Amino acid sequence: MKKKEIFFIAGLLVLAGVMWLGFRLSGQRSHNTIRITVDGKEFGTYSLDKDQVIHIGDTNVCEIKDGKVTMIEATCPDHYCMKQKAIDEHGGSIICLPNKVVIEGEDTADSSESEDSPKIDAVT
């Protein structure tokens, strides 16, 4: 290999490392609350700091305990929502499709982005 090729490859590796570190640091947000929606309408927002049991209509029951949220009861036939990973300060979501219930971690920290700025939710 020539000297120019070695510098080019080293530069690409350094650039990739810097970009990886930037994405890693920017992705560490604290989700202090959860937001529950039923059929697309907001049911409520709850703090992860307070242990409580939340009855979501007549269909689901979730529990906040030790800063983690789990679905403990559901009337859906498959109970996949009860098997999903708990939501904690790192975020996540629990979805019950038959009952149209969505529980998701919500970032309550002040953000430098405005409400009008576009949010990217997927990359294809």
N, C-alpha and C. Protein backbone atom coordinates (compact mmCIF):
# COMPACT_ATOMS: atom_id res chain seq x y z
N MET A 1 0.83 -1.18 0.00
CA MET A 1 0.00 0.00 0.00
C MET A 1 0.88 1.24 0.00
N LYS A 2 0.37 2.25 -0.61
CA LYS A 2 1.08 3.52 -0.65
C LYS A 2 0.77 4.33 0.60
N LYS A 3 1.61 5.32 0.84
CA LYS A 3 1.47 6.17 2.01
C LYS A 3 0.13 6.91 2.00
N LYS A 4 -0.32 7.38 0.83
CA LYS A 4 -1.59 8.11 0.72
C LYS A 4 -2.77 7.21 1.09
N GLU A 5 -2.73 5.95 0.69
CA GLU A 5 -3.81 5.02 0.99
C GLU A 5 -3.91 4.74 2.48
N ILE A 6 -2.78 4.65 3.14
CA ILE A 6 -2.76 4.41 4.58
C ILE A 6 -3.37 5.61 5.32
N PHE A 7 -2.98 6.84 4.93
CA PHE A 7 -3.56 8.03 5.54
C PHE A 7 -5.06 8.13 5.28
N PHE A 8 -5.49 7.77 4.08
CA PHE A 8 -6.91 7.81 3.74
C PHE A 8 -7.72 6.83 4.61
N ILE A 9 -7.23 5.60 4.75
CA ILE A 9 -7.91 4.60 5.57
C ILE A 9 -7.92 5.01 7.04
N ALA A 10 -6.80 5.53 7.53
CA ALA A 10 -6.73 5.99 8.93
C ALA A 10 -7.71 7.14 9.16
N GLY A 11 -7.80 8.05 8.20
CA GLY A 11 -8.73 9.17 8.32
C GLY A 11 -10.18 8.70 8.36
N LEU A 12 -10.51 7.72 7.53
CA LEU A 12 -11.88 7.16 7.55
C LEU A 12 -12.20 6.50 8.88
N LEU A 13 -11.22 5.78 9.44
CA LEU A 13 -11.44 5.13 10.73
C LEU A 13 -11.65 6.16 11.85
N VAL A 14 -10.85 7.22 11.83
CA VAL A 14 -11.01 8.27 12.84
C VAL A 14 -12.37 8.95 12.70
N LEU A 15 -12.77 9.27 11.48
CA LEU A 15 -14.07 9.89 11.23
C LEU A 15 -15.21 8.98 11.69
N ALA A 16 -15.11 7.69 11.39
CA ALA A 16 -16.14 6.74 11.82
C ALA A 16 -16.21 6.66 13.34
N GLY A 17 -15.06 6.67 14.01
CA GLY A 17 -15.04 6.64 15.47
C GLY A 17 -15.67 7.87 16.09
N VAL A 18 -15.38 9.03 15.55
CA VAL A 18 -15.95 10.27 16.06
C VAL A 18 -17.47 10.28 15.86
N MET A 19 -17.92 9.85 14.69
CA MET A 19 -19.36 9.81 14.42
C MET A 19 -20.05 8.81 15.35
N TRP A 20 -19.46 7.64 15.56
CA TRP A 20 -20.04 6.65 16.44
C TRP A 20 -20.16 7.20 17.86
N LEU A 21 -19.11 7.85 18.34
CA LEU A 21 -19.13 8.42 19.68
C LEU A 21 -20.20 9.50 19.80
N GLY A 22 -20.32 10.34 18.78
CA GLY A 22 -21.34 11.39 18.79
C GLY A 22 -22.74 10.83 18.86
N PHE A 23 -23.04 9.80 18.07
CA PHE A 23 -24.36 9.18 18.11
C PHE A 23 -24.60 8.49 19.44
N ARG A 24 -23.58 7.89 19.97
CA ARG A 24 -23.72 7.17 21.24
C ARG A 24 -24.04 8.14 22.38
N LEU A 25 -23.35 9.27 22.43
CA LEU A 25 -23.58 10.24 23.49
C LEU A 25 -24.91 10.97 23.33
N SER A 26 -25.32 11.24 22.10
CA SER A 26 -26.58 11.96 21.89
C SER A 26 -27.79 11.06 22.14
N GLY A 27 -27.61 9.75 22.11
CA GLY A 27 -28.72 8.83 22.31
C GLY A 27 -29.00 8.51 23.76
N GLN A 28 -28.22 9.05 24.69
CA GLN A 28 -28.42 8.74 26.09
C GLN A 28 -29.34 9.78 26.73
N ARG A 29 -30.62 9.54 26.58
CA ARG A 29 -31.61 10.43 27.18
C ARG A 29 -32.27 9.70 28.34
N SER A 30 -32.73 10.46 29.28
CA SER A 30 -33.39 9.88 30.43
C SER A 30 -34.90 10.03 30.26
N HIS A 31 -35.59 8.92 30.34
CA HIS A 31 -37.04 8.93 30.23
C HIS A 31 -37.59 8.83 31.65
N ASN A 32 -38.06 9.95 32.16
CA ASN A 32 -38.51 10.02 33.55
C ASN A 32 -39.98 9.66 33.70
N THR A 33 -40.72 9.67 32.61
CA THR A 33 -42.15 9.40 32.68
C THR A 33 -42.55 8.43 31.57
N ILE A 34 -43.77 7.93 31.69
CA ILE A 34 -44.35 7.13 30.62
C ILE A 34 -45.62 7.83 30.16
N ARG A 35 -45.95 7.59 28.90
CA ARG A 35 -47.20 8.13 28.35
C ARG A 35 -48.01 6.94 27.87
N ILE A 36 -49.27 6.90 28.28
CA ILE A 36 -50.17 5.82 27.90
C ILE A 36 -51.21 6.39 26.94
N THR A 37 -51.37 5.73 25.79
CA THR A 37 -52.42 6.11 24.85
C THR A 37 -53.30 4.90 24.58
N VAL A 38 -54.59 5.17 24.42
CA VAL A 38 -55.57 4.14 24.09
C VAL A 38 -56.28 4.57 22.83
N ASP A 39 -56.19 3.77 21.79
CA ASP A 39 -56.81 4.05 20.49
C ASP A 39 -56.37 5.41 19.95
N GLY A 40 -55.08 5.75 20.18
CA GLY A 40 -54.51 6.98 19.67
C GLY A 40 -54.79 8.22 20.52
N LYS A 41 -55.58 8.09 21.56
CA LYS A 41 -55.90 9.22 22.45
C LYS A 41 -55.13 9.06 23.75
N GLU A 42 -54.59 10.17 24.25
CA GLU A 42 -53.79 10.12 25.47
C GLU A 42 -54.64 9.74 26.66
N PHE A 43 -54.20 8.71 27.38
CA PHE A 43 -54.87 8.24 28.59
C PHE A 43 -54.28 8.93 29.82
N GLY A 44 -52.95 9.11 29.81
CA GLY A 44 -52.31 9.77 30.93
C GLY A 44 -50.80 9.69 30.86
N THR A 45 -50.16 10.53 31.67
CA THR A 45 -48.71 10.55 31.79
C THR A 45 -48.37 10.31 33.26
N TYR A 46 -47.45 9.39 33.50
CA TYR A 46 -47.14 8.98 34.87
C TYR A 46 -45.64 8.99 35.10
N SER A 47 -45.23 9.32 36.32
CA SER A 47 -43.82 9.37 36.69
C SER A 47 -43.32 7.96 37.03
N LEU A 48 -42.07 7.69 36.68
CA LEU A 48 -41.46 6.41 37.04
C LEU A 48 -40.98 6.40 38.49
N ASP A 49 -40.99 7.56 39.15
CA ASP A 49 -40.49 7.66 40.52
C ASP A 49 -41.49 7.12 41.55
N LYS A 50 -42.77 7.11 41.19
CA LYS A 50 -43.82 6.70 42.15
C LYS A 50 -44.32 5.30 41.79
N ASP A 51 -44.21 4.37 42.74
CA ASP A 51 -44.74 3.02 42.53
C ASP A 51 -46.26 3.07 42.58
N GLN A 52 -46.89 2.50 41.53
CA GLN A 52 -48.35 2.50 41.47
C GLN A 52 -48.85 1.47 40.48
N VAL A 53 -50.12 1.13 40.59
CA VAL A 53 -50.79 0.24 39.65
C VAL A 53 -51.81 1.09 38.89
N ILE A 54 -51.79 1.01 37.56
CA ILE A 54 -52.64 1.84 36.72
C ILE A 54 -53.61 0.94 35.96
N HIS A 55 -54.91 1.16 36.17
CA HIS A 55 -55.95 0.43 35.44
C HIS A 55 -56.26 1.22 34.18
N ILE A 56 -56.02 0.62 33.03
CA ILE A 56 -56.22 1.28 31.74
C ILE A 56 -57.56 0.80 31.19
N GLY A 57 -58.59 1.57 31.48
CA GLY A 57 -59.94 1.17 31.07
C GLY A 57 -60.31 -0.15 31.71
N ASP A 58 -61.07 -0.98 30.98
CA ASP A 58 -61.46 -2.30 31.48
C ASP A 58 -60.60 -3.40 30.89
N THR A 59 -59.54 -3.02 30.15
CA THR A 59 -58.81 -4.03 29.39
C THR A 59 -57.43 -4.36 29.93
N ASN A 60 -56.67 -3.40 30.41
CA ASN A 60 -55.28 -3.63 30.78
C ASN A 60 -54.97 -3.03 32.15
N VAL A 61 -53.95 -3.59 32.78
CA VAL A 61 -53.42 -3.07 34.05
C VAL A 61 -51.91 -3.09 33.94
N CYS A 62 -51.27 -1.94 34.21
CA CYS A 62 -49.81 -1.90 34.24
C CYS A 62 -49.36 -1.50 35.63
N GLU A 63 -48.11 -1.83 35.92
CA GLU A 63 -47.55 -1.55 37.23
C GLU A 63 -46.23 -0.82 37.09
N ILE A 64 -46.09 0.26 37.86
CA ILE A 64 -44.81 0.97 37.96
C ILE A 64 -44.22 0.56 39.30
N LYS A 65 -43.05 -0.07 39.25
CA LYS A 65 -42.40 -0.53 40.47
C LYS A 65 -40.90 -0.43 40.29
N ASP A 66 -40.24 0.22 41.22
CA ASP A 66 -38.78 0.39 41.20
C ASP A 66 -38.30 1.03 39.91
N GLY A 67 -39.05 1.98 39.36
CA GLY A 67 -38.65 2.69 38.16
C GLY A 67 -38.84 1.92 36.87
N LYS A 68 -39.58 0.81 36.92
CA LYS A 68 -39.83 0.00 35.74
C LYS A 68 -41.33 -0.22 35.57
N VAL A 69 -41.77 -0.26 34.32
CA VAL A 69 -43.17 -0.44 34.01
C VAL A 69 -43.36 -1.78 33.31
N THR A 70 -44.32 -2.56 33.79
CA THR A 70 -44.68 -3.82 33.14
C THR A 70 -46.20 -3.91 33.04
N MET A 71 -46.67 -4.64 32.05
CA MET A 71 -48.09 -4.91 31.92
C MET A 71 -48.35 -6.17 32.74
N ILE A 72 -49.27 -6.08 33.72
CA ILE A 72 -49.50 -7.23 34.60
C ILE A 72 -50.82 -7.94 34.31
N GLU A 73 -51.75 -7.25 33.64
CA GLU A 73 -53.01 -7.88 33.26
C GLU A 73 -53.46 -7.35 31.92
N ALA A 74 -54.10 -8.24 31.14
CA ALA A 74 -54.64 -7.83 29.84
C ALA A 74 -55.74 -8.80 29.44
N THR A 75 -56.76 -8.28 28.74
CA THR A 75 -57.85 -9.13 28.29
C THR A 75 -57.64 -9.65 26.88
N CYS A 76 -56.51 -9.33 26.26
CA CYS A 76 -56.24 -9.79 24.90
C CYS A 76 -55.98 -11.30 24.91
N PRO A 77 -56.24 -11.97 23.78
CA PRO A 77 -56.12 -13.43 23.78
C PRO A 77 -54.69 -13.96 23.84
N ASP A 78 -53.71 -13.24 23.31
CA ASP A 78 -52.35 -13.77 23.24
C ASP A 78 -51.43 -13.35 24.39
N HIS A 79 -51.74 -12.27 25.07
CA HIS A 79 -50.95 -11.74 26.21
C HIS A 79 -49.50 -11.42 25.86
N TYR A 80 -49.23 -11.06 24.60
CA TYR A 80 -47.88 -10.66 24.21
C TYR A 80 -47.43 -9.42 24.96
N CYS A 81 -48.35 -8.52 25.25
CA CYS A 81 -47.99 -7.29 25.95
C CYS A 81 -47.43 -7.57 27.35
N MET A 82 -47.89 -8.64 27.96
CA MET A 82 -47.40 -9.00 29.29
C MET A 82 -46.01 -9.62 29.24
N LYS A 83 -45.60 -10.10 28.05
CA LYS A 83 -44.31 -10.74 27.89
C LYS A 83 -43.23 -9.77 27.40
N GLN A 84 -43.62 -8.53 27.08
CA GLN A 84 -42.66 -7.57 26.55
C GLN A 84 -41.75 -7.05 27.66
N LYS A 85 -40.57 -6.61 27.25
CA LYS A 85 -39.56 -6.09 28.18
C LYS A 85 -40.10 -4.87 28.92
N ALA A 86 -39.73 -4.73 30.18
CA ALA A 86 -40.17 -3.60 31.00
C ALA A 86 -39.58 -2.30 30.48
N ILE A 87 -40.31 -1.22 30.64
CA ILE A 87 -39.84 0.12 30.29
C ILE A 87 -39.16 0.69 31.53
N ASP A 88 -37.97 1.30 31.34
CA ASP A 88 -37.28 1.94 32.44
C ASP A 88 -36.78 3.30 32.01
N GLU A 89 -35.80 3.87 32.71
CA GLU A 89 -35.31 5.20 32.39
C GLU A 89 -34.63 5.27 31.03
N HIS A 90 -34.30 4.13 30.45
CA HIS A 90 -33.69 4.10 29.12
C HIS A 90 -34.73 4.13 28.01
N GLY A 91 -36.00 4.07 28.36
CA GLY A 91 -37.06 4.13 27.37
C GLY A 91 -37.57 2.75 26.99
N GLY A 92 -38.33 2.71 25.91
CA GLY A 92 -38.92 1.48 25.44
C GLY A 92 -40.41 1.67 25.23
N SER A 93 -41.08 0.58 24.88
CA SER A 93 -42.52 0.64 24.70
C SER A 93 -43.14 -0.72 24.93
N ILE A 94 -44.38 -0.71 25.37
CA ILE A 94 -45.20 -1.90 25.52
C ILE A 94 -46.46 -1.64 24.71
N ILE A 95 -46.79 -2.56 23.81
CA ILE A 95 -47.92 -2.35 22.91
C ILE A 95 -48.86 -3.54 23.01
N CYS A 96 -50.14 -3.27 23.20
CA CYS A 96 -51.19 -4.29 23.18
C CYS A 96 -52.07 -3.98 21.97
N LEU A 97 -51.83 -4.66 20.87
CA LEU A 97 -52.56 -4.37 19.63
C LEU A 97 -54.06 -4.63 19.72
N PRO A 98 -54.51 -5.77 20.25
CA PRO A 98 -55.96 -6.00 20.27
C PRO A 98 -56.73 -4.94 21.05
N ASN A 99 -56.14 -4.44 22.14
CA ASN A 99 -56.81 -3.42 22.96
C ASN A 99 -56.40 -2.00 22.60
N LYS A 100 -55.50 -1.84 21.64
CA LYS A 100 -55.03 -0.54 21.15
C LYS A 100 -54.42 0.32 22.27
N VAL A 101 -53.62 -0.33 23.13
CA VAL A 101 -52.96 0.35 24.24
C VAL A 101 -51.47 0.44 23.94
N VAL A 102 -50.90 1.64 24.09
CA VAL A 102 -49.48 1.85 23.89
C VAL A 102 -48.92 2.56 25.12
N ILE A 103 -47.87 1.98 25.69
CA ILE A 103 -47.16 2.60 26.80
C ILE A 103 -45.75 2.85 26.31
N GLU A 104 -45.28 4.10 26.41
CA GLU A 104 -43.94 4.40 25.93
C GLU A 104 -43.24 5.36 26.87
N GLY A 105 -41.91 5.18 26.96
CA GLY A 105 -41.09 6.08 27.76
C GLY A 105 -41.07 7.44 27.12
N GLU A 106 -41.14 8.47 27.95
CA GLU A 106 -41.20 9.83 27.42
C GLU A 106 -40.07 10.64 28.02
N ASP A 107 -39.36 11.38 27.17
CA ASP A 107 -38.24 12.21 27.59
C ASP A 107 -38.80 13.53 28.11
N THR A 108 -38.61 13.80 29.41
CA THR A 108 -39.12 15.03 29.99
C THR A 108 -38.06 16.10 30.16
N ALA A 109 -36.81 15.78 29.81
CA ALA A 109 -35.73 16.77 29.92
C ALA A 109 -35.95 17.87 28.90
N ASP A 110 -35.52 19.07 29.24
CA ASP A 110 -35.63 20.18 28.30
C ASP A 110 -34.79 19.88 27.08
N SER A 111 -35.38 20.04 25.93
CA SER A 111 -34.69 19.75 24.68
C SER A 111 -34.39 21.04 23.96
N SER A 112 -33.26 21.08 23.24
CA SER A 112 -32.91 22.28 22.49
C SER A 112 -33.70 22.36 21.20
N GLU A 113 -34.36 21.25 20.81
CA GLU A 113 -35.15 21.26 19.59
C GLU A 113 -36.51 21.88 19.87
N SER A 114 -37.03 22.57 18.89
CA SER A 114 -38.36 23.15 19.05
C SER A 114 -39.41 22.12 18.69
N GLU A 115 -40.65 22.40 19.07
CA GLU A 115 -41.75 21.50 18.75
C GLU A 115 -41.98 21.41 17.25
N ASP A 116 -41.62 22.46 16.51
CA ASP A 116 -41.86 22.49 15.07
C ASP A 116 -40.80 21.76 14.26
N SER A 117 -39.68 21.42 14.89
CA SER A 117 -38.62 20.78 14.13
C SER A 117 -39.00 19.35 13.79
N PRO A 118 -38.63 18.89 12.61
CA PRO A 118 -39.02 17.53 12.20
C PRO A 118 -38.27 16.48 13.00
N LYS A 119 -38.95 15.37 13.26
CA LYS A 119 -38.36 14.26 13.98
C LYS A 119 -38.23 13.09 13.03
N ILE A 120 -37.06 12.44 13.06
CA ILE A 120 -36.84 11.28 12.21
C ILE A 120 -37.22 10.06 13.04
N ASP A 121 -38.17 9.26 12.54
CA ASP A 121 -38.59 8.09 13.29
C ASP A 121 -38.17 6.79 12.61
N ALA A 122 -37.63 6.86 11.40
CA ALA A 122 -37.17 5.66 10.72
C ALA A 122 -36.20 6.02 9.63
N VAL A 123 -35.33 5.11 9.35
CA VAL A 123 -34.39 5.29 8.25
C VAL A 123 -34.51 4.07 7.35
N THR A 124 -34.69 4.31 6.05
CA THR A 124 -34.82 3.18 5.12
C THR A 124 -33.70 3.19 4.12
